[in-house]
N, C-alpha and C. Protein backbone atom coordinates (compact mmCIF):
# COMPACT_ATOMS: atom_id res chain seq x y z
N MET A 1 0.79 -1.31 0.07
CA MET A 1 0.07 0.13 -0.17
C MET A 1 0.86 1.21 0.02
N PRO A 2 0.65 2.04 -0.86
CA PRO A 2 1.48 3.51 -0.95
C PRO A 2 1.45 4.24 0.36
N ARG A 3 2.44 4.94 0.61
CA ARG A 3 2.62 5.57 1.89
C ARG A 3 1.55 6.61 2.21
N TYR A 4 1.10 7.34 0.97
CA TYR A 4 0.08 8.35 0.99
C TYR A 4 -1.35 7.70 1.39
N SER A 5 -1.61 6.47 1.07
CA SER A 5 -2.77 5.84 1.53
C SER A 5 -2.90 5.50 2.89
N LEU A 6 -1.74 5.31 3.61
CA LEU A 6 -1.72 5.02 5.03
C LEU A 6 -2.02 6.34 5.65
N GLY A 7 -1.47 7.50 5.19
CA GLY A 7 -1.73 8.77 5.80
C GLY A 7 -3.33 9.14 5.59
N ILE A 8 -3.77 8.77 4.53
CA ILE A 8 -5.41 9.15 4.31
C ILE A 8 -6.16 8.19 5.20
N LEU A 9 -5.79 6.86 5.40
CA LEU A 9 -6.62 6.09 6.13
C LEU A 9 -6.35 6.54 7.78
N PHE A 10 -5.11 6.93 8.06
CA PHE A 10 -4.87 7.33 9.47
C PHE A 10 -5.76 8.52 9.81
N ALA A 11 -5.86 9.73 8.74
CA ALA A 11 -6.66 10.88 8.91
C ALA A 11 -7.99 10.64 8.99
N ALA A 12 -8.61 9.64 8.32
CA ALA A 12 -9.98 9.30 8.35
C ALA A 12 -10.37 8.61 9.50
N ALA A 13 -9.45 7.81 10.12
CA ALA A 13 -9.81 7.10 11.31
C ALA A 13 -9.63 8.20 12.52
N THR A 14 -8.96 9.10 12.46
CA THR A 14 -8.84 10.15 13.45
C THR A 14 -10.15 11.03 13.46
N VAL A 15 -10.66 11.32 12.28
CA VAL A 15 -11.95 12.04 12.14
C VAL A 15 -13.05 11.35 12.63
N VAL A 16 -13.14 9.94 12.49
CA VAL A 16 -14.41 9.25 12.97
C VAL A 16 -14.21 9.10 14.44
N LEU A 17 -13.10 8.97 14.88
CA LEU A 17 -12.80 8.75 16.38
C LEU A 17 -13.16 9.85 17.20
N THR A 18 -12.64 10.97 16.61
CA THR A 18 -12.77 12.21 17.46
C THR A 18 -14.10 12.90 17.36
N SER A 19 -15.01 12.42 16.49
CA SER A 19 -16.40 12.88 16.45
C SER A 19 -17.36 11.83 17.09
N CYS A 20 -16.89 10.88 17.74
CA CYS A 20 -17.64 9.89 18.52
C CYS A 20 -17.91 10.40 19.97
N ASP A 21 -18.98 10.25 20.50
CA ASP A 21 -19.14 10.50 21.85
C ASP A 21 -19.35 9.19 22.71
N PHE A 22 -18.17 8.81 23.38
CA PHE A 22 -17.92 7.62 24.07
C PHE A 22 -18.58 7.67 25.44
N GLY A 23 -18.86 9.01 26.11
CA GLY A 23 -19.60 9.05 27.41
C GLY A 23 -18.47 9.01 28.50
N SER A 24 -18.93 9.16 29.67
CA SER A 24 -17.82 9.32 30.71
C SER A 24 -18.43 8.40 31.80
N VAL A 25 -17.45 8.38 33.07
CA VAL A 25 -17.66 7.44 34.14
C VAL A 25 -17.55 8.44 35.24
N ASN A 26 -18.34 8.23 36.22
CA ASN A 26 -18.21 8.85 37.62
C ASN A 26 -18.47 8.02 38.68
N GLN A 27 -18.03 8.29 39.99
CA GLN A 27 -18.37 7.28 41.09
C GLN A 27 -18.43 8.19 42.15
N GLY A 28 -19.19 7.62 43.26
CA GLY A 28 -19.49 8.28 44.45
C GLY A 28 -20.08 7.28 45.50
N GLN A 29 -20.22 7.75 46.59
CA GLN A 29 -21.09 7.08 47.74
C GLN A 29 -22.50 7.53 47.82
N VAL A 30 -23.35 6.46 47.83
CA VAL A 30 -24.82 6.94 48.01
C VAL A 30 -25.36 7.29 49.27
N ILE A 31 -25.85 8.40 49.19
CA ILE A 31 -26.55 9.11 50.48
C ILE A 31 -28.07 9.00 50.49
N ALA A 32 -28.59 8.70 49.25
CA ALA A 32 -30.18 8.56 49.15
C ALA A 32 -30.48 7.75 48.02
N PHE A 33 -31.31 6.80 48.03
CA PHE A 33 -31.78 6.02 47.00
C PHE A 33 -33.33 6.04 47.09
N GLN A 34 -34.04 6.53 45.86
CA GLN A 34 -35.44 6.47 45.77
C GLN A 34 -35.90 5.45 44.73
N ARG A 35 -36.08 4.32 45.05
CA ARG A 35 -36.27 3.10 44.15
C ARG A 35 -37.56 3.73 43.11
N GLU A 36 -38.68 3.98 43.92
CA GLU A 36 -39.96 4.51 42.98
C GLU A 36 -39.62 5.65 42.22
N ALA A 37 -38.76 6.59 42.48
CA ALA A 37 -38.57 7.77 41.54
C ALA A 37 -37.42 7.44 40.77
N GLY A 38 -36.59 6.36 40.85
CA GLY A 38 -35.41 5.88 40.09
C GLY A 38 -34.29 6.93 40.16
N THR A 39 -34.13 7.34 41.36
CA THR A 39 -32.96 8.43 41.73
C THR A 39 -32.01 7.85 42.60
N VAL A 40 -30.83 8.15 42.40
CA VAL A 40 -29.62 8.05 43.45
C VAL A 40 -28.89 9.32 43.75
N THR A 41 -28.87 9.66 44.85
CA THR A 41 -28.02 11.02 45.28
C THR A 41 -26.81 10.47 45.90
N LEU A 42 -25.62 11.09 45.62
CA LEU A 42 -24.38 10.59 45.92
C LEU A 42 -23.53 11.69 46.17
N ILE A 43 -22.52 11.47 46.82
CA ILE A 43 -21.31 12.37 47.13
C ILE A 43 -20.08 11.84 46.27
N GLY A 44 -19.66 12.70 45.44
CA GLY A 44 -18.75 12.25 44.35
C GLY A 44 -17.37 12.07 45.01
N ASP A 45 -16.41 11.32 44.46
CA ASP A 45 -15.22 10.79 44.81
C ASP A 45 -14.01 11.86 44.18
N SER A 46 -13.48 12.65 44.90
CA SER A 46 -12.35 13.56 44.39
C SER A 46 -11.09 12.82 44.14
N ASN A 47 -10.93 11.69 44.54
CA ASN A 47 -9.70 10.75 44.32
C ASN A 47 -9.85 9.66 43.60
N TYR A 48 -10.75 9.82 42.41
CA TYR A 48 -11.18 8.61 41.60
C TYR A 48 -10.08 7.97 40.92
N ARG A 49 -8.93 8.55 40.71
CA ARG A 49 -7.74 7.99 40.07
C ARG A 49 -7.20 6.86 40.94
N ASP A 50 -7.55 6.99 42.20
CA ASP A 50 -6.96 5.94 43.19
C ASP A 50 -8.26 5.17 43.79
N PRO A 51 -8.65 4.22 43.11
CA PRO A 51 -9.87 3.55 43.72
C PRO A 51 -9.59 2.85 44.97
N ALA A 52 -8.50 2.61 45.46
CA ALA A 52 -8.22 1.83 46.59
C ALA A 52 -8.17 2.88 47.86
N HIS A 53 -8.17 4.17 47.41
CA HIS A 53 -8.34 5.34 48.47
C HIS A 53 -9.35 6.32 48.10
N PRO A 54 -10.62 5.98 48.23
CA PRO A 54 -11.64 6.90 47.81
C PRO A 54 -11.74 8.13 48.73
N ARG A 55 -12.10 9.36 48.32
CA ARG A 55 -12.25 10.47 49.11
C ARG A 55 -13.44 11.22 48.60
N PHE A 56 -14.66 10.80 49.41
CA PHE A 56 -15.89 11.24 49.07
C PHE A 56 -16.07 12.54 49.76
N ASP A 57 -15.97 13.52 48.94
CA ASP A 57 -16.00 14.95 49.38
C ASP A 57 -16.43 16.07 48.52
N VAL A 58 -17.07 15.71 47.31
CA VAL A 58 -17.43 16.62 46.07
C VAL A 58 -18.83 16.95 46.45
N LEU A 59 -19.01 18.30 46.75
CA LEU A 59 -20.18 18.92 46.83
C LEU A 59 -20.65 19.95 45.67
N PRO A 60 -21.73 20.21 45.58
CA PRO A 60 -22.99 19.57 46.24
C PRO A 60 -23.16 18.15 45.91
N PRO A 61 -24.05 17.42 46.48
CA PRO A 61 -24.37 15.92 46.28
C PRO A 61 -25.09 15.91 44.86
N LEU A 62 -24.81 15.06 44.17
CA LEU A 62 -25.32 14.94 42.69
C LEU A 62 -26.56 13.81 42.74
N THR A 63 -27.59 14.28 42.15
CA THR A 63 -28.70 13.40 41.88
C THR A 63 -28.75 12.92 40.60
N ILE A 64 -28.76 11.57 40.35
CA ILE A 64 -28.98 11.13 38.82
C ILE A 64 -30.04 10.00 38.70
N GLN A 65 -30.55 10.07 37.59
CA GLN A 65 -31.64 9.10 37.30
C GLN A 65 -30.99 7.81 37.06
N THR A 66 -31.63 6.62 37.64
CA THR A 66 -30.97 5.34 37.45
C THR A 66 -31.22 4.88 36.02
N PRO A 67 -30.63 3.77 35.55
CA PRO A 67 -30.75 3.36 34.02
C PRO A 67 -32.17 2.88 33.97
N GLU A 68 -32.68 3.16 32.66
CA GLU A 68 -34.23 2.86 32.35
C GLU A 68 -34.21 1.35 32.28
N ASP A 69 -33.22 0.60 31.86
CA ASP A 69 -33.21 -0.97 31.71
C ASP A 69 -32.68 -1.45 33.07
N PRO A 70 -33.59 -2.00 33.98
CA PRO A 70 -33.13 -2.63 35.14
C PRO A 70 -31.76 -3.50 34.99
N ALA A 71 -31.75 -4.10 33.77
CA ALA A 71 -30.45 -5.24 33.60
C ALA A 71 -29.30 -4.30 33.66
N GLU A 72 -29.21 -3.11 33.38
CA GLU A 72 -27.94 -2.16 33.46
C GLU A 72 -27.65 -1.56 34.73
N MET A 73 -28.41 -2.02 35.89
CA MET A 73 -28.13 -1.49 37.13
C MET A 73 -27.38 -2.34 38.08
N GLY A 74 -27.58 -3.70 38.23
CA GLY A 74 -27.04 -4.45 39.26
C GLY A 74 -27.80 -4.25 40.65
N PRO A 75 -27.12 -4.79 41.63
CA PRO A 75 -27.99 -4.61 43.00
C PRO A 75 -28.22 -3.27 43.39
N ALA A 76 -29.43 -3.09 43.97
CA ALA A 76 -29.83 -1.72 44.45
C ALA A 76 -29.03 -1.12 45.49
N PRO A 77 -28.56 0.12 45.45
CA PRO A 77 -27.54 0.59 46.56
C PRO A 77 -28.28 0.80 47.81
N GLU A 78 -27.50 0.74 48.81
CA GLU A 78 -28.10 1.21 50.13
C GLU A 78 -27.44 2.49 50.44
N ALA A 79 -28.20 3.27 51.15
CA ALA A 79 -27.85 4.72 51.43
C ALA A 79 -27.20 4.76 52.80
N GLY A 80 -26.40 5.73 52.97
CA GLY A 80 -25.79 6.00 54.32
C GLY A 80 -24.84 7.30 54.20
N LYS A 81 -24.76 8.08 55.35
CA LYS A 81 -24.17 9.19 55.18
C LYS A 81 -22.68 9.30 56.03
N LEU A 82 -22.31 8.12 56.37
CA LEU A 82 -21.01 7.94 57.04
C LEU A 82 -20.04 7.86 55.90
N LEU A 83 -19.34 8.81 55.66
CA LEU A 83 -18.30 8.86 54.43
C LEU A 83 -16.95 8.18 54.81
N ARG A 84 -16.50 8.41 55.93
CA ARG A 84 -15.05 7.90 56.22
C ARG A 84 -14.97 7.74 57.88
N MET A 85 -14.07 6.69 58.14
CA MET A 85 -13.69 6.66 59.60
C MET A 85 -12.04 6.78 59.62
N ASP A 86 -11.74 7.77 60.31
CA ASP A 86 -10.27 7.83 60.64
C ASP A 86 -9.82 7.39 61.94
N THR A 87 -9.25 6.11 62.02
CA THR A 87 -8.96 5.65 63.47
C THR A 87 -7.86 6.18 63.85
N ARG A 88 -6.88 6.79 63.15
CA ARG A 88 -5.87 7.58 63.84
C ARG A 88 -6.01 8.74 64.55
N SER A 89 -6.89 9.74 63.79
CA SER A 89 -7.31 10.92 64.44
C SER A 89 -8.58 10.85 65.19
N HIS A 90 -9.18 9.50 65.19
CA HIS A 90 -10.55 9.39 65.87
C HIS A 90 -11.63 10.48 65.37
N ARG A 91 -11.90 10.52 64.06
CA ARG A 91 -12.67 11.29 63.36
C ARG A 91 -13.66 10.46 62.49
N LEU A 92 -14.86 10.84 62.59
CA LEU A 92 -15.87 10.19 61.58
C LEU A 92 -16.20 11.36 60.56
N THR A 93 -16.18 11.11 59.38
CA THR A 93 -16.75 12.12 58.36
C THR A 93 -18.06 11.87 57.84
N ILE A 94 -18.94 12.64 58.05
CA ILE A 94 -20.34 12.41 57.75
C ILE A 94 -20.94 13.56 56.80
N PHE A 95 -22.12 13.16 56.05
CA PHE A 95 -22.66 14.17 55.08
C PHE A 95 -23.93 14.80 56.18
N ASN A 96 -23.86 15.95 56.62
CA ASN A 96 -24.90 16.50 57.37
C ASN A 96 -25.96 16.90 56.53
N VAL A 97 -27.11 16.43 56.33
CA VAL A 97 -28.02 16.69 55.33
C VAL A 97 -28.68 18.23 55.76
N ALA A 98 -29.20 18.31 57.07
CA ALA A 98 -29.68 19.53 57.36
C ALA A 98 -28.81 20.64 57.08
N ALA A 99 -27.52 20.63 57.22
CA ALA A 99 -26.62 21.79 56.83
C ALA A 99 -26.06 21.75 55.31
N GLN A 100 -26.40 20.66 54.71
CA GLN A 100 -25.75 20.44 53.42
C GLN A 100 -24.36 20.47 53.29
N ARG A 101 -23.60 19.88 54.32
CA ARG A 101 -22.19 20.00 54.34
C ARG A 101 -21.57 18.75 54.80
N ILE A 102 -20.09 18.68 54.79
CA ILE A 102 -19.57 17.59 55.27
C ILE A 102 -18.86 17.85 56.66
N ASP A 103 -19.21 17.16 57.63
CA ASP A 103 -18.72 17.49 59.03
C ASP A 103 -17.69 16.22 59.21
N ASP A 104 -16.69 16.76 60.08
CA ASP A 104 -15.83 15.67 60.81
C ASP A 104 -16.05 15.93 62.22
N VAL A 105 -16.47 14.66 62.82
CA VAL A 105 -17.00 14.42 64.13
C VAL A 105 -16.03 13.67 64.94
N PRO A 106 -15.55 14.26 65.92
CA PRO A 106 -14.54 13.54 66.88
C PRO A 106 -15.26 12.25 67.65
N TYR A 107 -14.54 11.37 67.80
CA TYR A 107 -15.40 10.14 68.66
C TYR A 107 -14.34 9.71 69.47
N THR A 108 -14.95 9.02 70.51
CA THR A 108 -14.02 8.24 71.52
C THR A 108 -14.63 6.79 71.38
N GLU A 109 -13.54 5.88 71.17
CA GLU A 109 -14.09 4.47 71.06
C GLU A 109 -14.43 3.94 72.54
N MET A 110 -15.50 3.11 72.43
CA MET A 110 -15.81 2.66 73.85
C MET A 110 -15.75 1.21 73.81
N GLY A 111 -15.42 0.48 72.74
CA GLY A 111 -15.36 -0.99 72.79
C GLY A 111 -15.76 -1.50 71.15
N SER A 112 -15.54 -2.80 71.04
CA SER A 112 -15.97 -3.38 69.68
C SER A 112 -16.13 -4.87 70.03
N ALA A 113 -16.87 -5.42 69.01
CA ALA A 113 -17.37 -6.77 69.13
C ALA A 113 -17.44 -7.33 67.72
N ALA A 114 -17.21 -8.60 67.69
CA ALA A 114 -17.27 -9.42 66.40
C ALA A 114 -18.80 -9.34 65.85
N GLY A 115 -18.85 -9.25 64.63
CA GLY A 115 -20.14 -9.45 63.86
C GLY A 115 -20.77 -7.84 64.01
N CYS A 116 -21.76 -7.80 63.24
CA CYS A 116 -22.60 -6.38 62.95
C CYS A 116 -23.98 -6.54 63.18
N VAL A 117 -24.55 -5.67 63.67
CA VAL A 117 -26.13 -5.40 63.78
C VAL A 117 -26.43 -4.80 62.43
N ALA A 118 -27.73 -5.00 61.94
CA ALA A 118 -28.24 -4.40 60.68
C ALA A 118 -28.26 -2.87 60.94
N GLY A 119 -27.34 -2.16 60.27
CA GLY A 119 -27.46 -0.69 60.49
C GLY A 119 -26.65 -0.18 61.64
N ALA A 120 -26.81 1.03 61.82
CA ALA A 120 -26.28 1.69 62.99
C ALA A 120 -27.27 1.79 64.11
N ALA A 121 -26.92 1.58 65.47
CA ALA A 121 -27.70 1.71 66.62
C ALA A 121 -27.32 2.95 67.40
N VAL A 122 -28.18 3.91 67.47
CA VAL A 122 -27.92 5.10 68.23
C VAL A 122 -28.50 4.97 69.55
N ASP A 123 -27.81 5.02 70.78
CA ASP A 123 -28.35 5.21 72.05
C ASP A 123 -28.09 6.52 72.53
N ARG A 124 -29.29 7.29 72.38
CA ARG A 124 -29.20 8.75 72.71
C ARG A 124 -28.93 8.90 74.21
N VAL A 125 -29.44 7.82 75.16
CA VAL A 125 -29.37 7.91 76.51
C VAL A 125 -28.07 7.77 76.99
N LYS A 126 -27.11 6.90 76.54
CA LYS A 126 -25.84 6.54 76.75
C LYS A 126 -24.96 7.51 75.93
N LYS A 127 -25.47 8.06 74.90
CA LYS A 127 -24.91 8.94 73.93
C LYS A 127 -23.63 8.19 73.23
N THR A 128 -24.12 7.14 72.78
CA THR A 128 -23.13 6.26 71.90
C THR A 128 -23.84 5.75 70.76
N VAL A 129 -22.88 5.37 69.76
CA VAL A 129 -23.39 4.97 68.40
C VAL A 129 -22.67 3.60 68.16
N ALA A 130 -23.39 2.56 67.72
CA ALA A 130 -22.77 1.30 67.40
C ALA A 130 -22.64 1.36 65.87
N LEU A 131 -21.18 1.32 65.23
CA LEU A 131 -21.17 1.43 63.95
C LEU A 131 -20.87 0.01 63.44
N CYS A 132 -21.26 -0.40 62.36
CA CYS A 132 -20.82 -1.56 61.63
C CYS A 132 -19.70 -1.18 60.62
N ILE A 133 -18.39 -1.79 61.09
CA ILE A 133 -17.21 -1.37 60.21
C ILE A 133 -16.46 -2.63 60.02
N ASP A 134 -16.20 -2.94 58.86
CA ASP A 134 -15.35 -4.31 58.44
C ASP A 134 -15.87 -5.44 59.31
N ARG A 135 -17.05 -5.65 59.16
CA ARG A 135 -17.79 -6.86 59.81
C ARG A 135 -17.63 -6.83 61.29
N LYS A 136 -17.53 -5.80 61.94
CA LYS A 136 -17.54 -6.00 63.33
C LYS A 136 -18.21 -4.63 63.98
N THR A 137 -18.70 -4.69 65.15
CA THR A 137 -19.51 -3.50 65.61
C THR A 137 -18.54 -2.75 66.45
N LEU A 138 -18.60 -1.57 66.25
CA LEU A 138 -17.52 -0.53 66.90
C LEU A 138 -18.49 0.41 67.67
N LEU A 139 -18.41 0.34 69.16
CA LEU A 139 -19.04 1.29 69.88
C LEU A 139 -18.33 2.51 70.05
N VAL A 140 -19.02 3.68 69.67
CA VAL A 140 -18.19 5.03 69.88
C VAL A 140 -19.09 6.04 70.61
N SER A 141 -18.53 7.14 71.14
CA SER A 141 -19.31 8.08 71.91
C SER A 141 -18.92 9.37 70.91
N VAL A 142 -19.90 10.09 70.70
CA VAL A 142 -19.83 11.56 69.96
C VAL A 142 -20.45 12.52 70.75
N ALA A 143 -20.35 13.68 70.31
CA ALA A 143 -20.81 14.83 70.95
C ALA A 143 -22.38 14.88 70.82
N GLU A 144 -23.02 15.43 71.99
CA GLU A 144 -24.55 15.38 72.01
C GLU A 144 -25.29 15.90 70.67
N GLU A 145 -24.60 16.97 70.19
CA GLU A 145 -25.31 17.67 69.15
C GLU A 145 -25.33 16.83 67.93
N TYR A 146 -24.51 15.81 67.78
CA TYR A 146 -24.48 14.76 66.54
C TYR A 146 -25.66 13.80 66.76
N LEU A 147 -25.76 13.50 67.87
CA LEU A 147 -26.70 12.32 68.25
C LEU A 147 -28.19 12.62 67.69
N ALA A 148 -28.58 14.05 67.59
CA ALA A 148 -29.69 14.39 66.96
C ALA A 148 -29.99 14.07 65.68
N LEU A 149 -28.89 13.79 64.86
CA LEU A 149 -28.91 13.51 63.48
C LEU A 149 -29.70 12.23 63.24
N PRO A 150 -30.19 12.02 61.96
CA PRO A 150 -30.90 10.79 61.82
C PRO A 150 -29.95 9.51 61.86
N ASP A 151 -30.59 8.39 62.13
CA ASP A 151 -29.66 7.08 62.41
C ASP A 151 -28.88 6.86 61.12
N ASP A 152 -29.38 7.00 60.01
CA ASP A 152 -28.61 6.71 58.67
C ASP A 152 -27.31 7.52 58.72
N THR A 153 -27.22 8.48 59.51
CA THR A 153 -25.93 9.33 59.43
C THR A 153 -24.69 8.49 59.72
N TRP A 154 -25.02 7.39 60.43
CA TRP A 154 -23.94 6.67 61.03
C TRP A 154 -23.70 5.17 60.15
N LYS A 155 -24.33 5.12 59.19
CA LYS A 155 -24.13 3.90 58.30
C LYS A 155 -23.41 4.27 56.90
N ILE A 156 -22.61 3.44 56.53
CA ILE A 156 -21.81 3.59 55.34
C ILE A 156 -22.51 3.23 54.03
N GLY A 157 -22.87 4.09 53.25
CA GLY A 157 -23.59 4.01 52.01
C GLY A 157 -22.72 3.23 50.96
N ASP A 158 -23.35 2.60 50.15
CA ASP A 158 -22.65 1.86 49.08
C ASP A 158 -21.86 2.72 48.06
N GLU A 159 -20.72 2.35 47.66
CA GLU A 159 -19.95 2.99 46.42
C GLU A 159 -20.76 2.45 45.16
N VAL A 160 -20.96 3.48 44.18
CA VAL A 160 -21.53 3.15 43.03
C VAL A 160 -20.51 3.81 41.87
N ARG A 161 -20.57 3.30 40.80
CA ARG A 161 -19.91 3.80 39.52
C ARG A 161 -20.95 3.73 38.42
N TYR A 162 -20.97 4.84 37.51
CA TYR A 162 -21.82 4.88 36.50
C TYR A 162 -21.46 5.52 35.33
N TYR A 163 -21.81 4.99 34.16
CA TYR A 163 -21.49 5.44 32.79
C TYR A 163 -22.63 6.42 32.36
N TYR A 164 -22.37 7.45 31.89
CA TYR A 164 -23.38 8.45 31.22
C TYR A 164 -22.83 9.20 30.05
N LYS A 165 -23.84 9.73 29.19
CA LYS A 165 -23.55 10.75 28.22
C LYS A 165 -24.33 12.09 28.60
N ASP A 166 -25.27 11.89 29.34
CA ASP A 166 -25.90 13.03 29.90
C ASP A 166 -25.71 12.88 31.38
N SER A 167 -24.97 13.89 31.99
CA SER A 167 -24.78 13.75 33.40
C SER A 167 -25.80 13.62 34.52
N ALA A 168 -27.01 13.75 33.93
CA ALA A 168 -28.22 13.70 35.14
C ALA A 168 -28.73 12.23 35.02
N ARG A 169 -28.33 11.46 33.82
CA ARG A 169 -28.91 10.08 33.62
C ARG A 169 -28.00 9.05 33.48
N ALA A 170 -27.86 8.06 34.44
CA ALA A 170 -26.86 6.94 34.19
C ALA A 170 -27.63 5.89 32.99
N LEU A 171 -26.54 5.60 32.30
CA LEU A 171 -26.93 4.46 31.09
C LEU A 171 -26.60 3.12 31.72
N ARG A 172 -25.52 3.11 32.66
CA ARG A 172 -25.25 1.79 33.44
C ARG A 172 -24.89 2.43 34.84
N LEU A 173 -25.41 1.55 35.76
CA LEU A 173 -24.84 1.82 37.03
C LEU A 173 -24.40 0.46 37.95
N MET A 174 -23.14 0.56 38.49
CA MET A 174 -22.70 -0.66 39.10
C MET A 174 -22.50 -0.30 40.48
N ASN A 175 -22.98 -1.26 41.45
CA ASN A 175 -22.84 -1.07 42.88
C ASN A 175 -21.62 -1.84 43.17
N VAL A 176 -20.56 -1.05 43.28
CA VAL A 176 -19.16 -1.55 43.39
C VAL A 176 -19.09 -2.28 44.93
N THR A 177 -19.87 -1.86 45.81
CA THR A 177 -19.80 -2.46 47.18
C THR A 177 -20.35 -3.73 47.15
N ARG A 178 -21.37 -3.98 46.28
CA ARG A 178 -22.15 -5.38 46.46
C ARG A 178 -21.92 -6.14 45.22
N THR A 179 -21.00 -5.68 44.32
CA THR A 179 -20.65 -6.60 43.16
C THR A 179 -19.45 -7.28 43.38
N ASN A 180 -19.50 -8.63 43.20
CA ASN A 180 -18.17 -9.55 43.39
C ASN A 180 -17.53 -9.70 42.08
N LEU A 181 -16.45 -8.97 41.87
CA LEU A 181 -15.71 -8.79 40.53
C LEU A 181 -14.70 -10.04 40.39
N ASN A 182 -14.76 -10.79 41.61
CA ASN A 182 -13.66 -11.96 41.49
C ASN A 182 -14.39 -13.29 41.18
N LYS A 183 -15.63 -13.26 40.73
CA LYS A 183 -16.32 -14.58 40.52
C LYS A 183 -15.61 -15.17 39.55
N SER A 184 -15.57 -16.64 39.62
CA SER A 184 -14.93 -17.41 38.58
C SER A 184 -15.88 -18.42 38.27
N GLY A 185 -16.57 -18.22 36.98
CA GLY A 185 -17.41 -19.42 36.44
C GLY A 185 -18.74 -19.48 37.24
N GLU A 186 -19.21 -18.64 37.83
CA GLU A 186 -20.47 -18.67 38.68
C GLU A 186 -21.45 -18.18 37.74
């Protein structure tokens, strides 16, 4: 093939590929899921280039429509507003719905036990919260002002990743937390 034909072929391929809209991918932690309305509200991940160390801190929260085809969604996400737990500095990072901001809440560890209760258990009399972290229950004490927040404040929401062309509508949505990517032949 003559050299000028390869150049024309390369130029044509470049024009075709640059005019295609491949869409984009985004990810975040679910803070609200409305199955009936088909919406997911999430806090975006500003550290998306390092999936092993997510940093859910992009505000304002983003609400997207779930895929029209249920087969493009996978397991339904569970919502929660506990974004991060830093055991070194003894801080919980939460999304405060009432204030529409991310708060760092200092805590004191009161104890732990193997196994988890379903969801977080808030004891407003003893001023403690039982968190489910890494398949164990961690009992913590927080300032009284934070105990007035809804119970789902102390639950970790699922991490989701979605593909879109219109940023308000997911064409595909994967629940990263509940999807086993290491299945072999199942």
